């Protein structure tokens, strides 16, 4: 398995969409976690302390599988993100599995 980081930037002015979609997003991440696919996740914050995007790191066999996971996120389906980058990633320091 390879780790893949999703670097997601919210569309400007989309905070309410994020808040409205959050329960489905959290349920999605919970299912990924229960399946052993989620390494970690959390929001990026703006200077005002409000979310401006997301960082999600998953375990997947291929980048195609990782992209499919990213596209299935309720935030992505709702149109919250202006962009989603999916990149292979190596956890070098403080990796709890190392």
Protein backbone atom coordinates (compact mmCIF):
# COMPACT_ATOMS: atom_id res chain seq x y z
CA UNK A 1 0.00 0.00 0.00
CA UNK A 2 1.09 3.52 -0.77
CA UNK A 3 0.06 6.68 1.05
CA UNK A 4 -1.63 9.38 -1.01
CA UNK A 5 -2.22 12.93 0.18
CA UNK A 6 -5.26 14.87 -0.97
CA UNK A 7 -4.57 18.61 -0.81
CA UNK A 8 -7.96 20.25 -1.23
CA UNK A 9 -8.68 23.98 -1.47
CA UNK A 10 -12.20 25.23 -0.80
CA UNK A 11 -13.91 27.56 -3.24
CA UNK A 12 -14.05 31.13 -1.93
CA UNK A 13 -17.17 31.85 0.10
CA UNK A 14 -18.06 28.16 0.50
CA UNK A 15 -17.92 27.92 4.30
CA UNK A 16 -21.67 27.30 4.63
CA UNK A 17 -21.49 24.49 2.05
CA UNK A 18 -18.66 22.95 4.11
CA UNK A 19 -20.69 23.20 7.31
CA UNK A 20 -23.83 21.79 5.69
CA UNK A 21 -21.93 18.84 4.17
CA UNK A 22 -19.71 18.09 7.19
CA UNK A 23 -21.82 15.25 8.69
CA UNK A 24 -21.67 13.26 5.43
CA UNK A 25 -17.94 14.03 5.08
CA UNK A 26 -17.22 12.81 8.63
CA UNK A 27 -19.26 9.63 7.99
CA UNK A 28 -17.24 9.05 4.80
CA UNK A 29 -13.94 9.44 6.67
CA UNK A 30 -15.21 7.16 9.44
CA UNK A 31 -15.95 4.43 6.88
CA UNK A 32 -12.48 4.84 5.36
CA UNK A 33 -10.94 4.63 8.82
CA UNK A 34 -12.91 1.49 9.71
CA UNK A 35 -11.73 -0.07 6.42
CA UNK A 36 -8.09 0.68 7.31
CA UNK A 37 -7.75 3.15 4.42
CA UNK A 38 -7.47 6.46 6.32
CA UNK A 39 -4.08 7.51 7.73
CA UNK A 40 -5.19 10.95 8.95
CA UNK A 41 -7.25 13.98 7.94
CA UNK A 42 -8.10 17.51 8.94
CA UNK A 43 -8.90 20.99 7.67
CA UNK A 44 -6.57 23.78 6.65
CA UNK A 45 -7.42 26.98 8.52
CA UNK A 46 -7.38 30.58 7.37
CA UNK A 47 -6.08 33.51 9.42
CA UNK A 48 -9.55 33.79 10.96
CA UNK A 49 -9.38 30.17 12.19
CA UNK A 50 -12.10 29.01 9.79
CA UNK A 51 -11.59 26.03 7.42
CA UNK A 52 -10.26 26.84 3.94
CA UNK A 53 -9.54 23.34 2.66
CA UNK A 54 -8.63 19.81 3.68
CA UNK A 55 -5.66 17.49 3.98
CA UNK A 56 -6.59 13.81 3.78
CA UNK A 57 -4.03 11.00 3.63
CA UNK A 58 -5.21 7.55 2.59
CA UNK A 59 -3.69 4.14 1.94
CA UNK A 60 -4.36 2.85 -1.57
CA UNK A 61 -2.91 0.36 -4.04
CA UNK A 62 -2.79 2.80 -6.98
CA UNK A 63 -3.16 6.50 -7.66
CA UNK A 64 -6.34 5.67 -9.57
CA UNK A 65 -7.81 4.11 -6.42
CA UNK A 66 -6.72 7.17 -4.43
CA UNK A 67 -8.34 9.52 -6.96
CA UNK A 68 -11.55 7.49 -6.77
CA UNK A 69 -11.54 7.84 -2.98
CA UNK A 70 -10.98 11.60 -3.29
CA UNK A 71 -13.81 11.96 -5.80
CA UNK A 72 -16.20 9.99 -3.57
CA UNK A 73 -15.80 12.44 -0.67
CA UNK A 74 -19.11 14.23 -0.01
CA UNK A 75 -17.25 17.56 0.00
CA UNK A 76 -16.01 16.87 -3.54
CA UNK A 77 -19.44 15.69 -4.68
CA UNK A 78 -21.06 18.83 -3.24
CA UNK A 79 -18.68 21.06 -5.22
CA UNK A 80 -16.89 22.49 -2.16
CA UNK A 81 -13.38 22.23 -3.56
CA UNK A 82 -11.83 24.62 -6.06
CA UNK A 83 -9.02 22.08 -6.50
CA UNK A 84 -7.96 18.62 -5.36
CA UNK A 85 -4.37 17.47 -5.75
CA UNK A 86 -3.70 13.74 -5.24
CA UNK A 87 -0.03 12.96 -4.64
CA UNK A 88 1.90 9.89 -3.53
CA UNK A 89 3.38 10.66 -0.13
CA UNK A 90 5.95 9.09 2.22
CA UNK A 91 5.59 9.46 5.97
CA UNK A 92 9.23 9.85 7.02
CA UNK A 93 9.25 11.33 10.53
CA UNK A 94 7.01 10.31 13.47
CA UNK A 95 5.26 7.59 11.48
CA UNK A 96 3.44 5.50 14.09
CA UNK A 97 3.72 2.42 11.87
CA UNK A 98 7.51 2.69 11.43
